[in-house]
Amino acid sequence: MTGASINLTHLDGKKLKIVNKPGDVIKPDDIKTVDGLGMPFHKQTYKTGNLFLLFKVKFPDNLKNEDVNQIRTALEI
């Protein structure tokens, strides 16, 4: 919810840093698209498609009271 920075290694070995904007919440099974960083087109290796990132987010089944208090403080609830 406050933004995220994701570092990954592309299939060609390049290091990528994907930045999620503050306020843009990543939910389970969200798909984010990164324009132009996908695989090259067949017989047109100078052109590349889009890179798709699928997020598998796991939430806890329950929280301890101190965790709830920390979250409320952080979110100013």
Protein backbone atom coordinates (compact mmCIF):
# COMPACT_ATOMS: atom_id res chain seq x y z
CA MET A 1 0.00 0.00 0.00
CA THR A 2 2.99 2.28 0.41
CA GLY A 3 4.72 1.22 -2.79
CA ALA A 4 7.11 -1.61 -3.48
CA SER A 5 10.38 -2.17 -5.26
CA ILE A 6 10.90 -5.60 -6.80
CA ASN A 7 14.32 -6.72 -8.01
CA LEU A 8 14.48 -9.59 -10.47
CA THR A 9 16.78 -11.12 -13.04
CA HIS A 10 15.42 -11.26 -16.59
CA LEU A 11 15.90 -14.40 -18.68
CA ASP A 12 18.68 -12.62 -20.60
CA GLY A 13 20.54 -11.99 -17.31
CA LYS A 14 19.71 -8.28 -17.00
CA LYS A 15 18.89 -7.01 -13.53
CA LEU A 16 15.48 -5.28 -13.42
CA LYS A 17 13.93 -3.10 -10.77
CA ILE A 18 10.14 -2.91 -10.95
CA VAL A 19 8.58 -0.12 -8.87
CA ASN A 20 4.97 -0.23 -7.69
CA LYS A 21 3.42 3.21 -7.11
CA PRO A 22 2.38 4.20 -3.58
CA GLY A 23 -1.31 3.53 -3.09
CA ASP A 24 -1.37 0.79 -5.76
CA VAL A 25 -2.27 -2.30 -3.71
CA ILE A 26 -1.04 -5.70 -4.90
CA LYS A 27 -3.69 -8.36 -4.31
CA PRO A 28 -3.53 -12.15 -4.70
CA ASP A 29 -3.37 -13.19 -8.38
CA ASP A 30 -2.82 -9.61 -9.62
CA ILE A 31 -1.06 -9.34 -12.96
CA LYS A 32 1.18 -6.35 -13.61
CA THR A 33 2.47 -5.54 -17.10
CA VAL A 34 5.89 -4.05 -17.85
CA ASP A 35 5.89 -2.69 -21.40
CA GLY A 36 8.73 -3.73 -23.68
CA LEU A 37 10.58 -6.02 -21.26
CA GLY A 38 9.13 -9.33 -22.43
CA MET A 39 10.45 -11.90 -24.85
CA PRO A 40 11.58 -10.96 -28.37
CA PHE A 41 9.14 -11.50 -31.22
CA HIS A 42 9.69 -14.48 -33.53
CA LYS A 43 11.84 -13.42 -36.53
CA GLN A 44 11.85 -9.83 -35.21
CA THR A 45 14.42 -9.99 -32.43
CA TYR A 46 14.73 -6.20 -32.40
CA LYS A 47 11.16 -5.99 -31.03
CA THR A 48 10.13 -7.22 -27.60
CA GLY A 49 6.75 -7.91 -26.09
CA ASN A 50 5.51 -7.14 -22.61
CA LEU A 51 6.60 -8.79 -19.38
CA PHE A 52 3.76 -10.03 -17.21
CA LEU A 53 4.21 -10.46 -13.45
CA LEU A 54 1.75 -12.69 -11.60
CA PHE A 55 1.66 -12.08 -7.85
CA LYS A 56 0.96 -14.91 -5.45
CA VAL A 57 0.22 -13.13 -2.18
CA LYS A 58 -0.27 -15.12 1.02
CA PHE A 59 -2.09 -13.59 3.95
CA PRO A 60 -1.88 -14.99 7.48
CA ASP A 61 -4.87 -16.87 8.87
CA ASN A 62 -4.83 -14.71 12.00
CA LEU A 63 -2.77 -12.03 13.72
CA LYS A 64 -1.51 -11.57 17.26
CA ASN A 65 -2.77 -8.52 19.17
CA GLU A 66 0.61 -6.80 19.01
CA ASP A 67 0.65 -7.28 15.21
CA VAL A 68 -2.82 -5.74 14.93
CA ASN A 69 -1.70 -2.77 17.03
CA GLN A 70 1.39 -2.24 14.88
CA ILE A 71 -0.69 -2.34 11.69
CA ARG A 72 -3.22 0.11 13.11
CA THR A 73 -0.42 2.45 14.16
CA ALA A 74 1.25 2.21 10.77
CA LEU A 75 -2.03 2.87 8.93
CA GLU A 76 -3.14 5.48 11.46
CA ILE A 77 -6.45 3.72 12.09
